[in-house]
């Protein structure tokens, strides 16, 4: 792939990362510059079809989060696909007062805009470890499995 072919892909991935950089205030007004109208979005909890459904989901999510940001660690970008490794740092009122950090990865597929987006992360690290009682059980199980 030549540089002229790579540049638009890198620009799309930069727009994607900028779109999500602030979890509390995602750049929802620019969703059509990042996502195709019929995008398929998947994560460990949701599977959504369409930019409108994704917009609603992100809007609802941002209302419930006190603060949050993505820290991008690494990426691989090809002609029509990218993998982006990240840490998400956020505070949620139902999960205590501390900032929670979750490591994850996004796979996106695209032409001129993203038509497939899947986030992979440890749901236990995101939620279960921060729920009273259940959190200590999950952490204890992880320790036992690590031995």
C-alpha atoms as a PDB file:
ATOM      1  CA  UNK A   1       0.000   0.000   0.000  1.00  0.00           C
ATOM      2  CA  UNK A   2       1.375   3.396  -0.925  1.00  0.00           C
ATOM      3  CA  UNK A   3       1.278   6.462   1.279  1.00  0.00           C
ATOM      4  CA  UNK A   4      -1.502   8.021  -0.828  1.00  0.00           C
ATOM      5  CA  UNK A   5      -3.681   4.955  -0.124  1.00  0.00           C
ATOM      6  CA  UNK A   6      -2.818   4.887   3.575  1.00  0.00           C
ATOM      7  CA  UNK A   7      -3.454   8.554   4.365  1.00  0.00           C
ATOM      8  CA  UNK A   8      -7.291   8.513   4.088  1.00  0.00           C
ATOM      9  CA  UNK A   9      -7.414   5.387   6.278  1.00  0.00           C
ATOM     10  CA  UNK A  10      -5.226   7.007   8.929  1.00  0.00           C
ATOM     11  CA  UNK A  11      -7.360  10.146   8.786  1.00  0.00           C
ATOM     12  CA  UNK A  12     -10.521   8.064   9.349  1.00  0.00           C
ATOM     13  CA  UNK A  13      -8.916   6.288  12.311  1.00  0.00           C
ATOM     14  CA  UNK A  14      -7.829   9.659  13.729  1.00  0.00           C
ATOM     15  CA  UNK A  15     -11.444  10.909  13.410  1.00  0.00           C
ATOM     16  CA  UNK A  16     -12.633   7.702  15.099  1.00  0.00           C
ATOM     17  CA  UNK A  17     -10.227   8.135  18.027  1.00  0.00           C
ATOM     18  CA  UNK A  18     -11.073  11.814  18.365  1.00  0.00           C
ATOM     19  CA  UNK A  19     -14.803  10.950  18.307  1.00  0.00           C
ATOM     20  CA  UNK A  20     -14.383   8.768  21.430  1.00  0.00           C
ATOM     21  CA  UNK A  21     -11.537  10.544  23.219  1.00  0.00           C
ATOM     22  CA  UNK A  22     -13.889  12.137  25.795  1.00  0.00           C
ATOM     23  CA  UNK A  23     -16.354   9.487  27.051  1.00  0.00           C
ATOM     24  CA  UNK A  24     -18.549  12.060  28.788  1.00  0.00           C
ATOM     25  CA  UNK A  25     -18.779  14.235  25.664  1.00  0.00           C
ATOM     26  CA  UNK A  26     -18.431  12.060  22.536  1.00  0.00           C
ATOM     27  CA  UNK A  27     -18.510  14.105  19.344  1.00  0.00           C
ATOM     28  CA  UNK A  28     -21.973  12.884  18.358  1.00  0.00           C
ATOM     29  CA  UNK A  29     -22.462  15.747  15.903  1.00  0.00           C
ATOM     30  CA  UNK A  30     -19.770  14.174  13.692  1.00  0.00           C
ATOM     31  CA  UNK A  31     -21.044  10.574  13.789  1.00  0.00           C
ATOM     32  CA  UNK A  32     -21.772  10.658  10.034  1.00  0.00           C
ATOM     33  CA  UNK A  33     -18.116  11.527   9.346  1.00  0.00           C
ATOM     34  CA  UNK A  34     -16.990   8.358  11.134  1.00  0.00           C
ATOM     35  CA  UNK A  35     -19.736   5.756  10.689  1.00  0.00           C
ATOM     36  CA  UNK A  36     -21.731   4.402   7.764  1.00  0.00           C
ATOM     37  CA  UNK A  37     -25.514   4.691   8.136  1.00  0.00           C
ATOM     38  CA  UNK A  38     -25.870   0.901   8.505  1.00  0.00           C
ATOM     39  CA  UNK A  39     -22.917   0.353  10.866  1.00  0.00           C
ATOM     40  CA  UNK A  40     -22.899  -2.803  12.995  1.00  0.00           C
ATOM     41  CA  UNK A  41     -21.607  -2.061  16.517  1.00  0.00           C
ATOM     42  CA  UNK A  42     -20.822  -4.840  18.993  1.00  0.00           C
ATOM     43  CA  UNK A  43     -19.393  -4.955  22.487  1.00  0.00           C
ATOM     44  CA  UNK A  44     -19.707  -7.505  25.324  1.00  0.00           C
ATOM     45  CA  UNK A  45     -23.108  -6.038  26.291  1.00  0.00           C
ATOM     46  CA  UNK A  46     -24.698  -4.650  23.105  1.00  0.00           C
ATOM     47  CA  UNK A  47     -25.179  -5.327  19.437  1.00  0.00           C
ATOM     48  CA  UNK A  48     -26.607  -2.381  17.527  1.00  0.00           C
ATOM     49  CA  UNK A  49     -27.368  -1.795  13.857  1.00  0.00           C
ATOM     50  CA  UNK A  50     -27.342   1.689  12.358  1.00  0.00           C
ATOM     51  CA  UNK A  51     -25.745   5.039  13.107  1.00  0.00           C
ATOM     52  CA  UNK A  52     -28.977   6.296  14.659  1.00  0.00           C
ATOM     53  CA  UNK A  53     -29.083   3.427  17.192  1.00  0.00           C
ATOM     54  CA  UNK A  54     -25.385   3.955  17.956  1.00  0.00           C
ATOM     55  CA  UNK A  55     -25.985   7.686  18.436  1.00  0.00           C
ATOM     56  CA  UNK A  56     -28.796   6.954  20.934  1.00  0.00           C
ATOM     57  CA  UNK A  57     -26.664   4.413  22.823  1.00  0.00           C
ATOM     58  CA  UNK A  58     -23.660   6.762  23.097  1.00  0.00           C
ATOM     59  CA  UNK A  59     -25.862   9.680  24.103  1.00  0.00           C
ATOM     60  CA  UNK A  60     -27.493   7.622  26.879  1.00  0.00           C
ATOM     61  CA  UNK A  61     -24.134   6.254  28.040  1.00  0.00           C
ATOM     62  CA  UNK A  62     -22.527   9.685  28.279  1.00  0.00           C
ATOM     63  CA  UNK A  63     -25.341  10.976  30.511  1.00  0.00           C
ATOM     64  CA  UNK A  64     -24.639   8.247  33.085  1.00  0.00           C
ATOM     65  CA  UNK A  65     -20.841   8.632  33.199  1.00  0.00           C
ATOM     66  CA  UNK A  66     -19.342  11.277  35.506  1.00  0.00           C
ATOM     67  CA  UNK A  67     -16.135  11.534  33.489  1.00  0.00           C
ATOM     68  CA  UNK A  68     -14.089   9.453  31.129  1.00  0.00           C
ATOM     69  CA  UNK A  69     -11.459   9.368  28.455  1.00  0.00           C
ATOM     70  CA  UNK A  70      -9.753   6.950  26.133  1.00  0.00           C
ATOM     71  CA  UNK A  71      -5.996   6.553  26.137  1.00  0.00           C
ATOM     72  CA  UNK A  72      -4.903   5.048  22.821  1.00  0.00           C
ATOM     73  CA  UNK A  73      -1.947   2.701  23.153  1.00  0.00           C
ATOM     74  CA  UNK A  74      -1.327   1.143  19.755  1.00  0.00           C
ATOM     75  CA  UNK A  75      -2.918   0.571  16.382  1.00  0.00           C
ATOM     76  CA  UNK A  76      -2.594  -1.434  13.208  1.00  0.00           C
ATOM     77  CA  UNK A  77      -4.276   0.056  10.147  1.00  0.00           C
ATOM     78  CA  UNK A  78      -4.621  -1.770   6.838  1.00  0.00           C
ATOM     79  CA  UNK A  79      -6.438  -1.066   3.603  1.00  0.00           C
ATOM     80  CA  UNK A  80      -9.907  -1.762   5.035  1.00  0.00           C
ATOM     81  CA  UNK A  81      -9.484  -2.684   8.708  1.00  0.00           C
ATOM     82  CA  UNK A  82      -7.883  -1.415  11.905  1.00  0.00           C
ATOM     83  CA  UNK A  83      -7.171  -2.721  15.405  1.00  0.00           C
ATOM     84  CA  UNK A  84      -6.819  -0.104  18.116  1.00  0.00           C
ATOM     85  CA  UNK A  85      -5.643  -0.976  21.629  1.00  0.00           C
ATOM     86  CA  UNK A  86      -6.799   1.351  24.393  1.00  0.00           C
ATOM     87  CA  UNK A  87      -7.347   2.039  28.065  1.00  0.00           C
ATOM     88  CA  UNK A  88     -10.659   3.580  29.036  1.00  0.00           C
ATOM     89  CA  UNK A  89     -10.545   5.621  32.241  1.00  0.00           C
ATOM     90  CA  UNK A  90     -13.934   6.582  33.679  1.00  0.00           C
ATOM     91  CA  UNK A  91     -16.001   7.329  36.771  1.00  0.00           C
ATOM     92  CA  UNK A  92     -19.556   6.087  37.142  1.00  0.00           C
ATOM     93  CA  UNK A  93     -21.706   6.978  40.178  1.00  0.00           C
ATOM     94  CA  UNK A  94     -22.945   3.397  40.574  1.00  0.00           C
ATOM     95  CA  UNK A  95     -19.411   1.975  40.605  1.00  0.00           C
ATOM     96  CA  UNK A  96     -17.903   4.084  43.385  1.00  0.00           C
ATOM     97  CA  UNK A  97     -15.889   7.275  43.488  1.00  0.00           C
ATOM     98  CA  UNK A  98     -12.621   5.966  42.042  1.00  0.00           C
ATOM     99  CA  UNK A  99     -11.572   6.156  38.413  1.00  0.00           C
ATOM    100  CA  UNK A 100     -11.834   2.732  36.783  1.00  0.00           C
ATOM    101  CA  UNK A 101      -9.401   1.728  34.051  1.00  0.00           C
ATOM    102  CA  UNK A 102     -10.325  -0.968  31.549  1.00  0.00           C
ATOM    103  CA  UNK A 103      -7.999  -2.281  28.828  1.00  0.00           C
ATOM    104  CA  UNK A 104      -9.614  -3.150  25.524  1.00  0.00           C
ATOM    105  CA  UNK A 105      -9.328  -3.287  21.782  1.00  0.00           C
ATOM    106  CA  UNK A 106     -11.512  -2.087  18.935  1.00  0.00           C
ATOM    107  CA  UNK A 107     -11.668  -3.752  15.552  1.00  0.00           C
ATOM    108  CA  UNK A 108     -13.132  -1.573  12.831  1.00  0.00           C
ATOM    109  CA  UNK A 109     -13.768  -2.332   9.175  1.00  0.00           C
ATOM    110  CA  UNK A 110     -14.290   0.475   6.699  1.00  0.00           C
ATOM    111  CA  UNK A 111     -14.456   1.740   3.166  1.00  0.00           C
ATOM    112  CA  UNK A 112     -14.838   5.515   3.301  1.00  0.00           C
ATOM    113  CA  UNK A 113     -16.539   5.217   6.730  1.00  0.00           C
ATOM    114  CA  UNK A 114     -16.716   2.523   9.396  1.00  0.00           C
ATOM    115  CA  UNK A 115     -19.359  -0.132   8.721  1.00  0.00           C
ATOM    116  CA  UNK A 116     -18.297  -2.609  11.453  1.00  0.00           C
ATOM    117  CA  UNK A 117     -17.058  -1.811  14.966  1.00  0.00           C
ATOM    118  CA  UNK A 118     -16.443  -4.396  17.673  1.00  0.00           C
ATOM    119  CA  UNK A 119     -15.047  -3.582  21.112  1.00  0.00           C
ATOM    120  CA  UNK A 120     -13.471  -6.369  23.124  1.00  0.00           C
ATOM    121  CA  UNK A 121     -12.798  -5.918  26.837  1.00  0.00           C
ATOM    122  CA  UNK A 122     -13.115  -7.699  30.168  1.00  0.00           C
ATOM    123  CA  UNK A 123     -16.657  -7.062  31.395  1.00  0.00           C
ATOM    124  CA  UNK A 124     -15.586  -8.214  34.872  1.00  0.00           C
ATOM    125  CA  UNK A 125     -12.908  -5.529  34.963  1.00  0.00           C
ATOM    126  CA  UNK A 126     -15.437  -2.974  33.754  1.00  0.00           C
ATOM    127  CA  UNK A 127     -18.338  -3.744  36.063  1.00  0.00           C
ATOM    128  CA  UNK A 128     -18.292  -6.857  38.223  1.00  0.00           C
ATOM    129  CA  UNK A 129     -15.078  -6.100  40.102  1.00  0.00           C
ATOM    130  CA  UNK A 130     -16.545  -2.787  41.279  1.00  0.00           C
ATOM    131  CA  UNK A 131     -19.853  -4.046  42.671  1.00  0.00           C
ATOM    132  CA  UNK A 132     -19.792  -4.543  46.470  1.00  0.00           C
ATOM    133  CA  UNK A 133     -19.555  -8.223  47.483  1.00  0.00           C
ATOM    134  CA  UNK A 134     -19.524  -9.457  43.889  1.00  0.00           C
ATOM    135  CA  UNK A 135     -16.298  -7.547  43.259  1.00  0.00           C
ATOM    136  CA  UNK A 136     -14.385  -9.358  45.951  1.00  0.00           C
ATOM    137  CA  UNK A 137     -15.662 -12.716  44.662  1.00  0.00           C
ATOM    138  CA  UNK A 138     -14.576 -11.940  41.076  1.00  0.00           C
ATOM    139  CA  UNK A 139     -11.159 -10.693  42.190  1.00  0.00           C
ATOM    140  CA  UNK A 140     -10.721 -13.774  44.382  1.00  0.00           C
ATOM    141  CA  UNK A 141     -11.603 -16.087  41.486  1.00  0.00           C
ATOM    142  CA  UNK A 142      -9.091 -14.343  39.246  1.00  0.00           C
ATOM    143  CA  UNK A 143      -6.353 -14.794  41.842  1.00  0.00           C
ATOM    144  CA  UNK A 144      -7.185 -18.490  42.248  1.00  0.00           C
ATOM    145  CA  UNK A 145      -7.131 -19.048  38.480  1.00  0.00           C
ATOM    146  CA  UNK A 146      -3.773 -17.276  38.160  1.00  0.00           C
ATOM    147  CA  UNK A 147      -2.010 -19.770  40.421  1.00  0.00           C
END
